[in-house]
Protein backbone atom coordinates (compact mmCIF):
# COMPACT_ATOMS: atom_id res chain seq x y z
CA MET A 1 79.01 156.34 26.55
CA MET A 2 76.62 153.16 27.43
CA VAL A 3 79.70 151.15 28.31
CA SER A 4 81.02 153.70 30.95
CA ARG A 5 77.46 153.86 32.56
CA VAL A 6 77.28 150.12 32.95
CA TRP A 7 80.75 150.25 34.34
CA VAL A 8 79.84 152.87 36.76
CA TYR A 9 76.75 150.68 37.78
CA MET A 10 78.61 147.73 38.21
CA THR A 11 81.39 149.58 40.43
CA VAL A 12 78.69 150.78 42.64
CA TYR A 13 76.94 147.61 43.05
CA LEU A 14 80.06 145.66 44.04
CA CYS A 15 81.12 148.28 46.46
CA LEU A 16 77.66 147.86 48.11
CA CYS A 17 77.95 144.31 48.10
CA LEU A 18 81.66 144.70 49.78
CA LEU A 19 80.09 146.99 52.35
CA ALA A 20 77.26 144.87 53.22
CA ASN A 21 79.71 141.82 53.69
CA ILE A 22 82.03 143.83 55.83
CA ILE A 23 79.02 145.03 58.04
CA MET A 24 77.87 141.36 58.33
CA VAL A 25 81.44 140.21 59.48
CA VAL A 26 81.44 143.05 62.17
CA VAL A 27 78.13 142.21 63.54
CA PHE A 28 79.30 138.76 63.83
CA LEU A 29 82.34 139.24 65.41
CA SER A 30 80.98 141.59 67.77
CA GLY A 31 78.14 139.32 68.83
CA HIS A 32 80.24 136.03 68.87
CA TYR A 33 83.97 136.51 68.92
CA TRP A 34 84.66 139.53 70.94
CA THR A 35 82.34 138.82 73.61
CA PRO A 36 84.16 137.20 76.42
CA LEU A 37 82.95 133.46 76.96
CA THR A 38 81.65 132.78 80.47
CA PRO A 39 83.13 129.65 81.83
CA PRO A 40 80.88 126.98 82.97
CA PRO A 41 80.18 126.82 86.47
CA PRO A 42 82.55 124.60 88.40
CA LEU A 43 81.11 120.98 89.36
CA PRO A 44 80.13 121.17 93.16
CA PRO A 45 82.54 119.09 95.06
CA LEU A 46 81.95 115.32 95.58
CA GLN A 47 80.23 114.62 98.82
CA PRO A 48 81.27 111.24 100.41
CA TYR A 49 77.93 109.96 101.03
CA GLU A 50 77.01 110.59 97.37
CA TRP A 51 79.82 108.34 96.17
CA ASP A 52 79.20 104.84 94.97
CA PRO A 53 82.11 102.45 93.76
CA SER A 54 80.00 101.40 90.86
CA SER A 55 79.26 104.83 89.60
CA GLY A 56 82.34 105.04 87.63
CA GLN A 57 83.15 108.84 89.17
CA ASN A 58 86.98 108.74 90.27
CA LEU A 59 88.09 110.19 93.57
CA LYS A 60 90.36 113.09 93.11
CA CYS A 61 93.03 114.61 95.56
CA ALA A 62 90.71 116.71 97.34
CA ASP A 63 88.40 113.77 98.12
CA ILE A 64 91.37 111.87 99.67
CA SER A 65 91.20 114.34 102.63
CA SER A 66 87.78 113.29 103.45
CA ILE A 67 88.67 109.50 103.82
CA SER A 68 88.19 108.93 107.50
CA ASN A 69 89.24 106.05 110.05
CA LEU A 70 92.55 105.53 108.53
CA SER A 71 94.79 102.53 109.80
CA ILE A 72 97.87 101.56 108.42
CA ILE A 73 97.28 97.58 106.94
CA GLY A 74 100.35 96.87 105.18
CA PHE A 75 103.74 98.00 103.96
CA GLY A 76 106.87 97.17 101.72
CA TRP A 77 110.15 98.52 100.25
CA THR A 78 107.85 101.22 98.22
CA LYS A 79 104.40 101.38 99.59
CA ALA A 80 102.38 101.79 102.65
CA VAL A 81 98.78 100.67 102.46
CA TYR A 82 96.08 102.21 104.50
CA ARG A 83 92.62 101.14 105.12
CA GLY A 84 90.09 103.94 105.20
CA GLN A 85 86.28 105.01 104.89
CA TYR A 86 84.99 107.26 102.24
CA GLY A 87 81.17 107.75 103.08
CA LYS A 88 79.60 104.14 103.43
CA THR A 89 82.63 102.39 101.49
CA TRP A 90 85.80 100.93 102.94
CA LEU A 91 88.96 101.41 100.71
CA ALA A 92 92.50 100.77 100.41
CA ILE A 93 94.94 103.83 99.92
CA LYS A 94 98.18 103.11 98.67
CA THR A 95 100.74 105.69 99.25
CA VAL A 96 104.66 106.15 99.52
CA HIS A 97 106.32 104.24 102.49
CA THR A 98 108.40 107.05 103.85
CA SER A 99 110.32 104.92 106.25
CA GLY A 100 110.51 102.00 103.73
CA HIS A 101 113.73 100.75 101.88
CA ASP A 102 113.32 102.71 98.76
CA MET A 103 113.14 106.18 100.95
CA THR A 104 115.76 104.99 103.61
CA GLU A 105 118.30 103.56 101.27
CA CYS A 106 118.18 106.47 98.76
CA PHE A 107 121.17 108.74 98.89
CA ASP A 108 119.62 111.56 96.78
CA SER A 109 117.71 114.43 98.30
CA VAL A 110 114.45 113.41 99.93
CA SER A 111 112.35 115.20 97.29
CA ILE A 112 113.97 113.28 94.58
CA CYS A 113 113.88 109.79 96.56
CA TYR A 114 110.02 110.55 97.12
CA LYS A 115 109.28 111.40 93.72
CA GLN A 116 111.13 108.13 92.38
CA SER A 117 109.14 106.05 94.96
CA ALA A 118 105.78 107.74 93.86
CA ALA A 119 106.48 106.99 90.10
CA LYS A 120 106.40 103.29 91.12
CA ILE A 121 102.96 103.81 92.54
CA ILE A 122 101.65 105.97 89.63
CA LYS A 123 103.01 103.17 87.27
CA GLU A 124 101.23 100.63 89.26
CA ALA A 125 98.02 102.62 89.08
CA ARG A 126 98.30 102.71 85.42
CA LEU A 127 98.97 98.97 85.06
CA LEU A 128 96.00 98.05 87.33
CA GLN A 129 93.66 100.23 85.20
CA GLU A 130 95.41 98.47 81.80
CA LEU A 131 94.72 95.02 83.31
CA SER A 132 91.01 95.72 84.21
CA HIS A 133 89.73 92.20 85.01
CA THR A 134 87.11 90.59 87.50
CA ASN A 135 90.12 89.23 89.18
CA VAL A 136 92.23 92.38 89.56
CA ILE A 137 91.76 94.83 92.21
CA LYS A 138 89.63 98.01 90.91
CA VAL A 139 91.23 101.50 90.98
CA PHE A 140 88.83 103.95 92.36
CA GLY A 141 91.01 107.29 92.04
CA GLU A 142 94.30 108.54 92.44
CA CYS A 143 96.19 111.61 93.47
CA VAL A 144 99.04 113.09 91.61
CA PRO A 145 99.79 116.74 92.97
CA SER A 146 102.37 119.04 91.91
CA MET A 147 103.57 119.84 95.16
CA LYS A 148 106.89 118.47 96.64
CA TYR A 149 107.11 115.75 99.43
CA SER A 150 105.06 115.65 102.38
CA ALA A 151 105.27 112.91 105.15
CA GLY A 152 102.51 111.03 106.82
CA PRO A 153 99.27 109.33 106.00
CA PRO A 154 97.23 110.25 102.77
CA VAL A 155 96.17 113.56 102.80
CA THR A 156 95.54 116.17 99.96
CA GLY A 157 99.07 116.74 98.35
CA ILE A 158 100.25 113.13 98.88
CA VAL A 159 100.70 110.92 95.85
CA SER A 160 98.24 108.07 96.47
CA ILE A 161 96.20 105.65 94.62
CA VAL A 162 92.71 104.55 96.03
CA THR A 163 91.46 100.95 95.41
CA GLU A 164 88.87 98.54 96.50
CA LEU A 165 89.54 96.79 99.93
CA GLY A 166 90.29 93.17 100.21
CA HIS A 167 91.79 90.93 103.04
CA PRO A 168 94.98 89.12 102.89
CA VAL A 169 95.21 85.47 101.63
CA ASP A 170 95.96 84.29 105.06
CA VAL A 171 97.02 80.54 105.33
CA ILE A 172 95.06 79.98 108.46
CA GLY A 173 91.89 81.50 106.85
CA VAL A 174 92.31 79.42 103.92
CA LEU A 175 92.53 76.09 105.88
CA ARG A 176 89.47 76.86 107.30
CA MET A 177 87.52 77.03 104.06
CA SER A 178 85.71 74.28 102.62
CA PHE A 179 87.01 72.77 99.66
CA GLU A 180 84.44 74.38 97.65
CA GLU A 181 85.39 77.80 98.75
CA ARG A 182 89.11 76.92 97.88
CA LEU A 183 88.27 75.51 94.66
CA GLN A 184 86.82 79.00 93.91
CA LEU A 185 90.05 80.77 94.57
CA ALA A 186 92.03 78.13 92.47
CA ARG A 187 89.79 78.89 89.50
CA ASP A 188 90.36 82.62 90.04
CA VAL A 189 94.15 81.62 90.24
CA GLY A 190 93.65 80.02 86.68
CA ARG A 191 91.95 83.09 85.38
CA ILE A 192 94.73 85.63 86.56
CA LEU A 193 97.32 83.26 84.86
CA TYR A 194 95.28 83.12 81.61
CA HIS A 195 94.77 86.82 82.12
CA LEU A 196 98.65 87.67 82.43
CA ALA A 197 99.41 85.36 79.41
CA GLN A 198 96.76 87.25 77.44
CA SER A 199 96.88 90.78 78.61
CA PRO A 200 96.22 93.92 76.41
CA LEU A 201 99.81 94.67 76.95
CA GLY A 202 101.10 91.27 75.98
CA THR A 203 102.48 88.48 77.99
CA LEU A 204 103.22 89.51 81.32
CA LEU A 205 105.71 88.02 84.07
CA MET A 206 105.30 88.31 87.97
CA GLN A 207 108.81 88.05 88.89
CA ASP A 208 107.86 87.55 92.40
CA LEU A 209 104.32 85.57 92.32
CA ARG A 210 103.45 85.10 96.14
CA ARG A 211 100.41 84.94 98.36
CA GLU A 212 101.03 88.62 99.38
CA GLN A 213 100.38 90.03 95.88
CA PHE A 214 96.74 88.95 96.22
CA VAL A 215 93.87 89.81 98.13
CA ILE A 216 90.28 88.39 98.46
CA SER A 217 87.51 90.61 97.91
CA ASP A 218 83.82 89.64 97.66
CA GLY A 219 84.72 85.83 97.89
CA LEU A 220 87.18 86.38 94.65
CA LEU A 221 90.90 86.28 94.67
CA LYS A 222 92.50 89.42 92.93
CA LEU A 223 95.55 90.57 92.20
CA SER A 224 96.46 93.65 93.88
CA ASP A 225 100.28 94.30 93.77
CA VAL A 226 101.78 94.58 90.15
CA ASP A 227 104.90 96.83 90.66
CA ASP A 228 106.87 93.96 89.81
CA ILE A 229 105.46 93.01 86.69
CA VAL A 230 107.57 92.60 83.36
CA ILE A 231 106.15 93.14 80.03
CA GLY A 232 107.15 90.66 77.32
CA ASP A 233 109.07 87.09 77.36
CA PRO A 234 112.88 87.45 77.84
CA VAL A 235 114.93 87.99 74.76
CA CYS A 236 117.48 85.20 73.55
CA THR A 237 119.85 84.11 71.01
CA SER A 238 119.73 80.38 71.56
CA ASP A 239 117.45 77.90 73.29
CA MET A 240 119.95 77.76 76.16
CA ASP A 241 118.92 81.10 76.98
CA CYS A 242 115.40 79.99 77.62
CA THR A 243 115.71 77.40 80.46
CA ILE A 244 113.58 77.44 83.65
CA LYS A 245 115.45 76.26 86.79
CA ASP A 246 114.17 74.88 90.10
CA GLY A 247 114.45 77.66 92.56
CA ASN A 248 116.16 75.56 95.42
CA LYS A 249 118.12 72.90 93.55
CA GLU A 250 119.22 75.08 90.54
CA SER A 251 118.42 72.15 88.30
CA ILE A 252 116.68 72.86 84.91
CA LEU A 253 112.82 72.22 84.95
CA ILE A 254 112.25 72.65 81.33
CA LYS A 255 113.74 74.15 78.14
CA LEU A 256 111.75 76.24 75.94
CA SER A 257 112.60 77.60 72.07
CA CYS A 258 114.03 80.84 71.15
CA VAL A 259 111.94 82.09 68.46
CA ASN A 260 112.30 85.12 66.70
CA GLY A 261 114.83 86.50 69.46
CA LEU A 262 112.32 85.79 72.46
CA CYS A 263 111.72 82.84 74.61
CA LYS A 264 108.30 81.73 73.65
CA GLY A 265 106.08 80.83 76.53
CA PHE A 266 108.61 81.70 78.93
CA ASN A 267 106.38 84.22 81.38
CA SER A 268 103.32 81.82 80.85
CA ARG A 269 105.36 78.78 82.01
CA LEU A 270 107.12 80.56 84.88
CA ASN A 271 103.78 82.19 86.34
CA ALA A 272 102.22 78.76 86.35
CA ILE A 273 105.16 77.19 88.38
CA HIS A 274 105.30 79.96 90.83
CA ALA A 275 101.44 79.99 91.28
CA SER A 276 101.57 75.95 92.12
CA GLN A 277 103.98 76.66 94.89
CA HIS A 278 102.67 79.51 96.34
CA LEU A 279 98.69 79.13 95.88
CA MET A 280 97.61 75.85 94.23
CA ARG A 281 99.09 73.63 96.77
CA LEU A 282 97.32 75.47 99.54
CA LEU A 283 93.91 75.35 97.85
CA ILE A 284 93.12 72.20 96.06
CA LEU A 285 95.12 69.23 97.82
CA TYR A 286 92.92 68.15 100.47
CA GLY A 287 89.44 68.24 101.65
CA GLY A 288 87.98 67.28 98.34
CA PRO A 289 86.12 64.19 97.21
CA ALA A 290 88.31 61.26 97.87
CA ALA A 291 87.92 60.30 93.96
CA LEU A 292 89.34 63.97 93.09
CA GLU A 293 92.44 63.86 95.17
CA SER A 294 94.59 62.25 92.61
CA THR A 295 93.53 64.50 89.80
CA CYS A 296 94.24 67.60 92.03
CA GLN A 297 97.79 66.08 92.89
CA HIS A 298 98.43 65.28 89.38
CA LEU A 299 97.57 69.02 88.45
CA VAL A 300 99.64 70.29 90.99
CA ASN A 301 102.75 68.26 90.30
CA ARG A 302 102.70 68.87 86.44
CA GLN A 303 102.24 72.60 87.13
CA SER A 304 105.20 72.86 89.57
CA PHE A 305 107.64 70.64 87.24
CA GLY A 306 106.78 73.29 84.46
CA LEU A 307 104.93 70.77 82.08
CA LEU A 308 101.84 73.18 82.05
CA ASP A 309 101.65 76.81 80.73
CA SER A 310 99.28 79.20 82.06
CA GLU A 311 96.46 78.31 79.59
CA ALA A 312 96.84 74.79 80.13
CA VAL A 313 96.51 75.27 83.78
CA TYR A 314 93.29 77.49 83.23
CA LYS A 315 91.73 74.69 81.16
CA GLU A 316 92.64 71.90 83.73
CA ILE A 317 91.16 73.83 86.55
CA GLN A 318 87.95 74.40 84.61
CA MET A 319 87.85 70.71 83.85
CA LEU A 320 88.15 70.12 87.95
CA VAL A 321 85.31 72.51 88.58
CA LYS A 322 83.04 71.00 85.95
CA ASN A 323 84.01 67.18 87.43
CA TYR A 324 83.26 68.51 90.90
CA SER A 325 79.92 70.09 89.87
CA SER A 326 78.48 67.24 88.17
CA GLY A 327 79.85 64.59 90.51
CA VAL A 328 81.15 62.72 87.68
CA TYR A 329 83.53 60.95 90.29
CA LEU A 330 80.81 58.96 91.94
CA SER A 331 81.11 55.18 91.09
CA PRO A 332 78.13 53.22 90.35
CA ALA A 333 77.94 51.68 93.65
CA GLU A 334 78.03 54.98 95.23
CA LYS A 335 75.32 56.03 92.96
CA GLU A 336 73.15 53.01 93.99
CA ILE A 337 72.70 54.06 97.85
CA ILE A 338 70.09 56.46 97.02
CA HIS A 339 67.62 53.68 96.41
CA SER A 340 67.95 52.78 100.00
CA TYR A 341 66.13 56.13 100.93
CA THR A 342 62.69 57.29 101.23
CA VAL A 343 61.95 60.56 99.57
CA LEU A 344 59.38 62.90 100.67
CA HIS A 345 58.97 66.01 98.36
CA GLY A 346 57.96 69.15 99.85
CA SER A 347 58.94 68.30 103.62
CA THR A 348 61.64 69.03 106.04
CA VAL A 349 63.02 68.38 109.35
CA PHE A 350 63.48 71.62 111.47
CA ALA A 351 65.31 70.02 114.31
CA ALA A 352 67.87 67.14 114.78
CA ASP A 353 70.87 69.29 113.68
CA PHE A 354 74.65 68.35 114.36
CA SER A 355 77.71 69.45 113.45
CA CYS A 356 80.20 68.13 110.93
CA SER A 357 84.06 67.64 112.11
CA THR A 358 85.31 69.48 109.11
CA ILE A 359 82.68 72.26 109.08
CA LEU A 360 82.87 75.05 111.43
CA SER A 361 78.95 75.31 111.87
CA THR A 362 76.34 74.27 114.58
CA ARG A 363 74.50 72.58 111.35
CA CYS A 364 76.09 69.74 109.18
CA VAL A 365 75.80 71.73 105.77
CA GLN A 366 77.38 70.84 102.42
CA SER A 367 76.86 71.04 98.85
CA VAL A 368 76.05 67.72 96.80
CA SER A 369 75.91 67.25 92.78
CA SER A 370 72.96 65.28 93.19
CA PRO A 371 70.74 63.46 95.67
CA ALA A 372 72.89 60.16 95.05
CA GLU A 373 75.90 62.21 96.51
CA GLY A 374 73.70 63.34 99.63
CA ALA A 375 72.86 59.77 100.15
CA TRP A 376 76.42 58.44 100.06
CA LEU A 377 77.66 61.15 102.24
CA CYS A 378 74.83 60.70 105.05
CA LEU A 379 76.27 57.03 105.11
CA GLN A 380 79.73 58.18 105.83
CA LEU A 381 78.32 60.10 108.96
CA LYS A 382 77.77 57.86 111.96
CA LYS A 383 74.78 59.97 113.32
CA CYS A 384 73.13 60.74 110.07
CA VAL A 385 69.83 59.33 109.26
CA ALA A 386 68.44 61.71 106.85
CA PHE A 387 69.45 64.88 104.60
CA VAL A 388 67.36 67.78 103.42
CA LEU A 389 67.77 69.35 100.09
CA ILE A 390 66.96 73.01 100.53
CA ASP A 391 66.47 75.72 97.76
CA GLU A 392 70.12 76.98 97.59
CA TRP A 393 72.81 76.43 95.16
CA THR A 394 76.51 77.26 95.19
CA TRP A 395 78.55 78.94 92.81
CA THR A 396 79.45 75.58 91.00
CA GLY A 397 75.95 74.69 90.65
CA ARG A 398 75.79 72.18 93.46
CA GLN A 399 72.60 71.97 95.81
CA VAL A 400 73.01 72.76 99.34
CA VAL A 401 72.15 70.01 101.81
CA VAL A 402 71.53 69.66 105.57
CA PHE A 403 72.15 66.64 107.26
CA LYS A 404 70.11 65.23 110.33
CA THR A 405 70.34 62.82 113.07
CA GLY A 406 66.53 62.18 113.27
CA ALA A 407 63.46 62.47 111.09
CA ARG A 408 60.45 62.28 113.69
CA GLU A 409 59.18 65.80 113.44
CA VAL A 410 58.56 66.27 109.38
CA LYS A 411 57.13 69.53 108.52
CA ALA A 412 55.85 70.82 105.41
CA ASN A 413 58.02 72.92 103.18
CA GLU A 414 57.37 73.13 99.55
CA ARG A 415 61.00 74.35 98.78
CA HIS A 416 62.72 71.53 100.59
CA THR A 417 62.96 67.65 99.85
CA LEU A 418 63.77 65.18 102.65
CA TYR A 419 65.53 61.82 102.38
CA ILE A 420 65.36 59.34 104.94
CA ARG A 421 67.15 56.11 105.40
CA ARG A 422 64.97 53.30 105.26
CA GLY A 423 64.62 51.84 108.77
CA GLN A 424 65.74 55.03 110.36
CA GLY A 425 63.72 58.28 111.70
């Protein structure tokens, strides 16, 4: 009898526990699961005046229709490039060139041809993002809509990418630069070559490396066109498959080794050769210190003959910059000339400016590695009797100097140092 009562009590207790659990589950579900979730309110549309390139906020399809002052600045087989303004920022917009070779020579339907061309632009956007680097153009947004082809300039619904805006590497513009400005671009070439050789995607080859694939932005040379990039060294079965030929003479420049089925270092070497032909010859072969001319010529020659890979070019340019910055090229006799000058610390000359024949300026302004180089340069200028070191330095660490035709009106300026040739003034 006692056993049956205990069994009844246990049964009732278990039923009550089960009922309590059921009630708790029902309450939980009724309060949390079955109540429809209220979606978060949509973000307000981005206003052009609120956007800043450094914010990291990418532009979307809807934002592209707000880009104003559109004008075409370039086009090729696949892409048309527009210049436009979004808020206070000028940008480049790359989209399908509807009259380009890839569209006009395509024999499929217009929508299929457009889709094929658009795929190249989307691929380029991905590559630019993967290759993120100081010397690679920045991508600020893209539009990959689901709607079909639509002709005209970039608007909502057009496949396009938005990047920072640069200006072309124009030969005339480059020739007007100082040696130091061109040396900075040469340093950037070295950095780009090194980045292509050591990229996160592996070693990369630019099949058609030319000036047109680069722009200058914020004083830096930047890679902007990457749609012809090939990932990985070419495959091979023997060393004979790994020869690099002279493009004009068809003669062999250099033979590389076939290692594990790949031509080891092929991309790095060929990129360096093309960069020499299309960029380095323009940048460092003239206008620099006479003592560095042979160094620059030797570098370009070895690069163009395939004797330097991209990593070696990078190191050579870094050394060239270091030598230019330090003034190591000055001879002992040239360094002694400074002793024929009187130095006045905290002094300057405001008048007596003249222009240098090599500088497009009303003042004769250059940079020097040291006061000794300033004295030597002043001696080379017929009208120069003095020079002023001012409190400005260039990207190489060289100090800015202003040359003078006279030093009769000396003024106090604690940030300047005046050097006057003895017996002059």
